[in-house]
C-alpha atoms as a PDB file:
ATOM      1  CA  MET A   1     -33.009 -63.855 -31.745  1.00  0.00           C
ATOM      2  CA  ASN A   2     -36.125 -61.697 -30.795  1.00  0.00           C
ATOM      3  CA  LEU A   3     -37.824 -62.436 -33.821  1.00  0.00           C
ATOM      4  CA  LEU A   4     -38.410 -66.264 -33.243  1.00  0.00           C
ATOM      5  CA  PRO A   5     -42.092 -66.783 -32.399  1.00  0.00           C
ATOM      6  CA  PHE A   6     -42.586 -68.196 -29.059  1.00  0.00           C
ATOM      7  CA  VAL A   7     -39.251 -68.527 -27.931  1.00  0.00           C
ATOM      8  CA  GLY A   8     -37.530 -65.460 -29.187  1.00  0.00           C
ATOM      9  CA  ASP A   9     -37.353 -63.314 -26.295  1.00  0.00           C
ATOM     10  CA  LYS A  10     -36.656 -66.485 -23.736  1.00  0.00           C
ATOM     11  CA  LEU A  11     -33.893 -67.527 -25.844  1.00  0.00           C
ATOM     12  CA  GLN A  12     -32.185 -63.964 -26.134  1.00  0.00           C
ATOM     13  CA  GLN A  13     -32.614 -63.368 -22.294  1.00  0.00           C
ATOM     14  CA  LEU A  14     -30.666 -66.824 -21.891  1.00  0.00           C
ATOM     15  CA  VAL A  15     -27.704 -66.075 -24.460  1.00  0.00           C
ATOM     16  CA  VAL A  16     -27.406 -62.286 -24.099  1.00  0.00           C
ATOM     17  CA  GLY A  17     -28.598 -61.938 -20.747  1.00  0.00           C
ATOM     18  CA  GLY A  18     -30.978 -58.999 -21.544  1.00  0.00           C
ATOM     19  CA  SER A  19     -32.160 -56.808 -24.219  1.00  0.00           C
ATOM     20  CA  ASN A  20     -28.533 -55.306 -25.102  1.00  0.00           C
ATOM     21  CA  TYR A  21     -25.143 -56.893 -25.389  1.00  0.00           C
ATOM     22  CA  GLY A  22     -22.919 -56.139 -22.582  1.00  0.00           C
ATOM     23  CA  HIS A  23     -20.959 -57.494 -19.369  1.00  0.00           C
ATOM     24  CA  HIS A  24     -23.639 -60.277 -19.041  1.00  0.00           C
ATOM     25  CA  THR A  25     -22.940 -61.714 -22.686  1.00  0.00           C
ATOM     26  CA  LEU A  26     -19.264 -61.745 -22.382  1.00  0.00           C
ATOM     27  CA  THR A  27     -19.785 -63.303 -18.879  1.00  0.00           C
ATOM     28  CA  ARG A  28     -22.111 -66.148 -20.587  1.00  0.00           C
ATOM     29  CA  PHE A  29     -19.837 -66.732 -23.501  1.00  0.00           C
ATOM     30  CA  PHE A  30     -16.721 -67.057 -21.579  1.00  0.00           C
ATOM     31  CA  ALA A  31     -18.488 -69.594 -19.170  1.00  0.00           C
ATOM     32  CA  LEU A  32     -19.440 -71.511 -22.118  1.00  0.00           C
ATOM     33  CA  HIS A  33     -15.868 -71.643 -23.805  1.00  0.00           C
ATOM     34  CA  ALA A  34     -14.006 -72.016 -20.492  1.00  0.00           C
ATOM     35  CA  GLY A  35     -16.355 -74.348 -18.783  1.00  0.00           C
ATOM     36  CA  LEU A  36     -18.990 -76.301 -20.823  1.00  0.00           C
ATOM     37  CA  LEU A  37     -17.222 -77.092 -23.799  1.00  0.00           C
ATOM     38  CA  PRO A  38     -14.026 -78.622 -21.991  1.00  0.00           C
ATOM     39  CA  ALA A  39     -16.288 -80.544 -20.062  1.00  0.00           C
ATOM     40  CA  LEU A  40     -18.176 -82.036 -23.229  1.00  0.00           C
ATOM     41  CA  LEU A  41     -14.744 -82.312 -24.717  1.00  0.00           C
ATOM     42  CA  VAL A  42     -13.777 -84.688 -21.865  1.00  0.00           C
ATOM     43  CA  PHE A  43     -16.864 -86.511 -22.044  1.00  0.00           C
ATOM     44  CA  PHE A  44     -16.968 -87.304 -25.260  1.00  0.00           C
ATOM     45  CA  LEU A  45     -13.282 -88.373 -25.106  1.00  0.00           C
ATOM     46  CA  VAL A  46     -14.185 -90.861 -22.202  1.00  0.00           C
ATOM     47  CA  LEU A  47     -17.158 -92.244 -24.249  1.00  0.00           C
ATOM     48  CA  HIS A  48     -15.054 -92.651 -27.247  1.00  0.00           C
ATOM     49  CA  VAL A  49     -12.182 -94.736 -25.249  1.00  0.00           C
ATOM     50  CA  TYR A  50     -14.997 -96.815 -23.510  1.00  0.00           C
ATOM     51  CA  MET A  51     -16.684 -97.710 -26.917  1.00  0.00           C
ATOM     52  CA  PHE A  52     -12.969 -98.944 -28.146  1.00  0.00           C
ATOM     53  CA  ARG A  53     -12.417-100.697 -25.272  1.00  0.00           C
ATOM     54  CA  ARG A  54     -16.159-102.392 -25.665  1.00  0.00           C
ATOM     55  CA  HIS A  55     -16.347-103.198 -29.252  1.00  0.00           C
ATOM     56  CA  GLY A  56     -12.386-103.363 -29.729  1.00  0.00           C
ATOM     57  CA  ILE A  57     -10.598-101.802 -32.675  1.00  0.00           C
ATOM     58  CA  THR A  58     -10.507-103.819 -35.451  1.00  0.00           C
ATOM     59  CA  HIS A  59     -14.001-104.906 -36.757  1.00  0.00           C
ATOM     60  CA  LYS A  60     -14.548-108.777 -36.935  1.00  0.00           C
ATOM     61  CA  LEU A  61     -14.082-110.314 -40.532  1.00  0.00           C
ATOM     62  CA  PRO A  62     -17.313-111.572 -42.331  1.00  0.00           C
ATOM     63  CA  VAL A  63     -17.413-115.280 -43.025  1.00  0.00           C
ATOM     64  CA  ARG A  64     -17.089-115.832 -46.646  1.00  0.00           C
ATOM     65  CA  ARG A  65     -17.922-118.872 -48.708  1.00  0.00           C
ATOM     66  CA  GLN A  66     -14.778-120.210 -50.581  1.00  0.00           C
ATOM     67  CA  ASP A  67     -14.368-118.902 -54.264  1.00  0.00           C
ATOM     68  CA  GLY A  68     -14.878-121.692 -56.828  1.00  0.00           C
ATOM     69  CA  THR A  69     -12.266-122.128 -59.779  1.00  0.00           C
ATOM     70  CA  PHE A  70     -12.181-119.567 -62.331  1.00  0.00           C
ATOM     71  CA  CYS A  71     -12.389-121.919 -65.620  1.00  0.00           C
ATOM     72  CA  PRO A  72     -15.578-123.280 -65.437  1.00  0.00           C
ATOM     73  CA  THR A  73     -17.293-121.443 -62.741  1.00  0.00           C
ATOM     74  CA  ARG A  74     -16.501-117.699 -63.649  1.00  0.00           C
ATOM     75  CA  CYS A  75     -16.062-117.896 -67.420  1.00  0.00           C
ATOM     76  CA  PHE A  76     -19.144-119.815 -67.936  1.00  0.00           C
ATOM     77  CA  GLY A  77     -21.456-118.779 -65.253  1.00  0.00           C
ATOM     78  CA  THR A  78     -21.955-114.968 -66.241  1.00  0.00           C
ATOM     79  CA  ALA A  79     -22.485-115.867 -70.163  1.00  0.00           C
END
């Protein structure tokens, strides 16, 4: 990660917790998996339920005009 220009060193410090993998790296990834990911899951679940309650489960049917009869309209209309 430290090969990325401008942000590589800072990104490595944030993700790994230093220049080497170790205790800080495991602690950060455990906090990510045990705290942040379940919180994001609950957030998106609540957002999903809210959107269903707001917009409804089924979509509205489009307004369609009545089809003409087959014989003169469809037979001779495309010829």
